[in-house]
């Protein structure tokens, strides 16, 4: 069509939330008219511009409710903020950026988001998955898995990853595999990868 491909953000429960436009092509654009969006820290306070957190939305497009097994409707509060379970941020100009699912983990007093770490770690030049494993002393241990068909050593990849991560975000363990197992729809299968590496569920 000769037009750039732009991103948007929406949910089954809410419909379209934000759409990028030629005038505002970055991220997922700004929230649509009548839609309000906010980003919350883990403690429930509103995040600063550009700060990652959980996305909540208020929209006139919110579903009426959930269907019960007997066919009746369990309504949702139309005036309440809807927790999307997604992780993202809102820039000072209102641009929405969605990173992935809000799966925060806690390690040594820091709140970390595996999908956000993956995005930045992939600047090393290979696909990366970050798997959190419960650790009694640390809270969580972070296993970085690099898909490298050339099979460079984990120590080599640890050094490359370090360039793209803050000190408190560094991996506890680095694994190297030739490729990630995939789900039926072609996405990396984290459950199968955990099993492959013996990390449990």
Protein backbone atom coordinates (compact mmCIF):
# COMPACT_ATOMS: atom_id res chain seq x y z
CA UNK A 1 0.00 0.00 0.00
CA UNK A 2 3.02 2.31 0.16
CA UNK A 3 2.32 3.22 3.79
CA UNK A 4 4.43 2.52 6.90
CA UNK A 5 3.31 -0.27 9.23
CA UNK A 6 2.34 1.24 12.60
CA UNK A 7 1.71 -0.38 15.96
CA UNK A 8 -1.40 -0.29 18.11
CA UNK A 9 -2.49 -1.66 21.46
CA UNK A 10 -5.75 -3.31 22.38
CA UNK A 11 -7.33 -6.16 24.30
CA UNK A 12 -10.27 -8.47 23.74
CA UNK A 13 -11.85 -7.09 26.91
CA UNK A 14 -11.37 -3.43 25.96
CA UNK A 15 -11.14 -3.18 22.19
CA UNK A 16 -8.62 -0.72 20.77
CA UNK A 17 -6.80 1.30 23.41
CA UNK A 18 -4.06 3.21 21.56
CA UNK A 19 -3.04 3.50 17.93
CA UNK A 20 0.05 5.01 16.35
CA UNK A 21 -0.59 7.42 13.48
CA UNK A 22 1.63 9.00 10.81
CA UNK A 23 1.74 12.13 12.99
CA UNK A 24 2.59 10.07 16.10
CA UNK A 25 4.33 6.95 14.78
CA UNK A 26 6.28 5.91 17.87
CA UNK A 27 5.43 3.07 20.24
CA UNK A 28 1.73 2.26 20.17
CA UNK A 29 0.73 5.92 19.76
CA UNK A 30 -1.50 7.75 22.21
CA UNK A 31 -4.73 6.52 23.85
CA UNK A 32 -7.82 6.92 21.70
CA UNK A 33 -10.43 9.61 22.52
CA UNK A 34 -12.37 8.67 25.64
CA UNK A 35 -9.76 6.13 26.75
CA UNK A 36 -7.65 6.73 29.85
CA UNK A 37 -4.48 4.78 30.58
CA UNK A 38 -2.16 4.77 33.55
CA UNK A 39 0.96 2.84 34.58
CA UNK A 40 1.41 1.69 38.17
CA UNK A 41 4.47 0.66 40.13
CA UNK A 42 4.32 -2.61 42.14
CA UNK A 43 3.41 -0.57 45.25
CA UNK A 44 0.32 0.86 43.49
CA UNK A 45 1.64 4.38 42.95
CA UNK A 46 1.56 6.01 39.52
CA UNK A 47 4.79 5.55 37.57
CA UNK A 48 6.79 8.50 36.28
CA UNK A 49 6.89 9.23 32.53
CA UNK A 50 8.90 6.51 30.78
CA UNK A 51 8.97 4.27 33.88
CA UNK A 52 7.87 0.66 33.43
CA UNK A 53 4.90 -0.69 35.34
CA UNK A 54 1.56 -2.42 35.10
CA UNK A 55 -0.90 -0.93 32.60
CA UNK A 56 -4.46 -0.13 33.68
CA UNK A 57 -7.18 1.26 31.40
CA UNK A 58 -10.58 2.92 31.67
CA UNK A 59 -12.52 2.76 28.43
CA UNK A 60 -16.09 3.04 27.16
CA UNK A 61 -15.25 -0.09 25.14
CA UNK A 62 -14.91 -2.27 28.25
CA UNK A 63 -16.79 -5.57 27.97
CA UNK A 64 -20.05 -6.02 29.85
CA UNK A 65 -18.62 -8.92 31.86
CA UNK A 66 -17.57 -12.56 31.87
CA UNK A 67 -19.85 -15.42 30.88
CA UNK A 68 -20.35 -18.03 33.57
CA UNK A 69 -20.67 -21.71 32.70
CA UNK A 70 -24.45 -21.51 33.12
CA UNK A 71 -24.66 -18.73 30.53
CA UNK A 72 -25.28 -15.92 33.01
CA UNK A 73 -23.12 -12.80 33.06
CA UNK A 74 -20.69 -11.81 35.78
CA UNK A 75 -20.56 -8.03 35.22
CA UNK A 76 -17.47 -5.88 35.64
CA UNK A 77 -17.39 -2.41 37.17
CA UNK A 78 -17.61 -0.01 34.25
CA UNK A 79 -16.18 2.84 36.34
CA UNK A 80 -13.12 0.98 37.64
CA UNK A 81 -9.61 0.83 36.21
CA UNK A 82 -9.16 -2.44 34.30
CA UNK A 83 -5.85 -4.23 35.09
CA UNK A 84 -4.52 -5.48 31.75
CA UNK A 85 -1.68 -7.62 33.19
CA UNK A 86 0.58 -5.95 30.60
CA UNK A 87 3.87 -4.18 31.24
CA UNK A 88 4.63 -0.84 29.65
CA UNK A 89 5.20 2.87 30.03
CA UNK A 90 3.79 6.23 28.98
CA UNK A 91 6.16 8.94 27.78
CA UNK A 92 5.81 12.57 28.82
CA UNK A 93 4.01 13.25 25.53
CA UNK A 94 1.46 10.49 26.19
CA UNK A 95 2.95 7.86 23.88
CA UNK A 96 2.20 4.33 25.07
CA UNK A 97 4.92 1.68 24.90
CA UNK A 98 4.05 -1.95 25.65
CA UNK A 99 6.86 -4.35 26.56
CA UNK A 100 4.93 -7.57 27.26
CA UNK A 101 3.18 -9.32 30.10
CA UNK A 102 3.59 -7.90 33.59
CA UNK A 103 5.55 -10.72 35.18
CA UNK A 104 7.60 -8.89 37.76
CA UNK A 105 10.13 -10.82 39.81
CA UNK A 106 12.02 -9.69 42.88
CA UNK A 107 15.74 -10.21 43.40
CA UNK A 108 17.89 -8.77 46.17
CA UNK A 109 15.42 -5.93 46.76
CA UNK A 110 14.99 -4.98 43.09
CA UNK A 111 11.83 -5.44 41.01
CA UNK A 112 12.78 -6.77 37.58
CA UNK A 113 10.75 -7.53 34.47
CA UNK A 114 12.03 -10.51 32.43
CA UNK A 115 10.47 -9.38 29.12
CA UNK A 116 12.01 -5.93 29.46
CA UNK A 117 15.40 -7.50 30.18
CA UNK A 118 15.01 -9.71 27.09
CA UNK A 119 14.39 -6.72 24.84
CA UNK A 120 17.56 -4.98 25.96
CA UNK A 121 19.65 -8.15 26.16
CA UNK A 122 18.88 -8.92 22.51
CA UNK A 123 21.06 -5.96 21.57
CA UNK A 124 23.84 -8.55 21.96
CA UNK A 125 22.83 -9.86 18.53
CA UNK A 126 20.98 -13.08 19.42
CA UNK A 127 17.50 -13.99 20.73
CA UNK A 128 17.42 -14.12 24.54
CA UNK A 129 14.92 -15.55 27.01
CA UNK A 130 15.03 -14.72 30.72
CA UNK A 131 13.70 -17.39 33.06
CA UNK A 132 13.18 -16.59 36.74
CA UNK A 133 13.75 -19.40 39.23
CA UNK A 134 12.77 -19.15 42.88
CA UNK A 135 15.77 -18.68 45.13
CA UNK A 136 15.43 -18.62 48.93
CA UNK A 137 18.35 -16.26 49.48
CA UNK A 138 17.91 -13.87 46.53
CA UNK A 139 14.14 -14.12 46.02
CA UNK A 140 14.70 -15.06 42.38
CA UNK A 141 17.63 -16.18 40.26
CA UNK A 142 17.65 -15.04 36.65
CA UNK A 143 18.71 -17.56 34.00
CA UNK A 144 19.49 -15.88 30.66
CA UNK A 145 19.20 -18.27 27.71
CA UNK A 146 20.88 -17.26 24.45
CA UNK A 147 19.89 -18.93 21.17
CA UNK A 148 23.25 -19.25 19.43
CA UNK A 149 23.61 -21.89 16.69
CA UNK A 150 27.36 -21.23 16.66
CA UNK A 151 27.59 -22.33 20.28
CA UNK A 152 29.80 -19.65 21.81
CA UNK A 153 30.59 -20.28 25.48
CA UNK A 154 28.29 -18.99 28.26
CA UNK A 155 31.13 -16.83 29.63
CA UNK A 156 31.48 -15.16 26.23
CA UNK A 157 27.78 -14.36 26.20
CA UNK A 158 27.85 -13.16 29.81
CA UNK A 159 30.42 -10.55 28.80
CA UNK A 160 28.36 -9.48 25.78
CA UNK A 161 25.14 -9.27 27.79
CA UNK A 162 26.82 -7.19 30.51
CA UNK A 163 27.22 -4.30 28.09
CA UNK A 164 23.44 -3.88 27.80
CA UNK A 165 22.31 -4.37 31.40
CA UNK A 166 22.67 -2.49 34.67
CA UNK A 167 24.73 -4.12 37.39
CA UNK A 168 21.63 -5.20 39.35
CA UNK A 169 20.12 -6.76 36.20
CA UNK A 170 23.03 -9.10 35.39
CA UNK A 171 22.26 -12.82 34.95
CA UNK A 172 22.88 -15.32 37.71
CA UNK A 173 23.37 -18.03 35.11
CA UNK A 174 23.83 -17.96 31.32
CA UNK A 175 22.79 -20.92 29.16
CA UNK A 176 23.48 -21.32 25.45
CA UNK A 177 21.20 -23.37 23.17
CA UNK A 178 21.21 -23.65 19.39
CA UNK A 179 17.53 -22.65 19.17
CA UNK A 180 14.45 -22.14 21.32
CA UNK A 181 11.65 -24.72 21.33
CA UNK A 182 8.50 -23.18 19.84
CA UNK A 183 4.81 -23.33 20.63
CA UNK A 184 2.23 -24.29 18.00
CA UNK A 185 1.89 -20.62 17.01
CA UNK A 186 5.64 -20.17 16.54
CA UNK A 187 6.53 -18.36 19.77
CA UNK A 188 9.35 -19.44 22.11
CA UNK A 189 8.00 -22.09 24.48
CA UNK A 190 9.22 -21.04 27.92
CA UNK A 191 7.77 -24.14 29.62
CA UNK A 192 9.58 -26.50 27.22
CA UNK A 193 12.77 -24.45 27.57
CA UNK A 194 12.61 -24.75 31.36
CA UNK A 195 12.19 -28.52 31.03
CA UNK A 196 15.09 -28.71 28.56
CA UNK A 197 17.37 -26.90 31.03
CA UNK A 198 16.05 -28.73 34.10
CA UNK A 199 14.74 -25.55 35.71
CA UNK A 200 11.27 -26.81 36.66
CA UNK A 201 7.98 -25.01 36.01
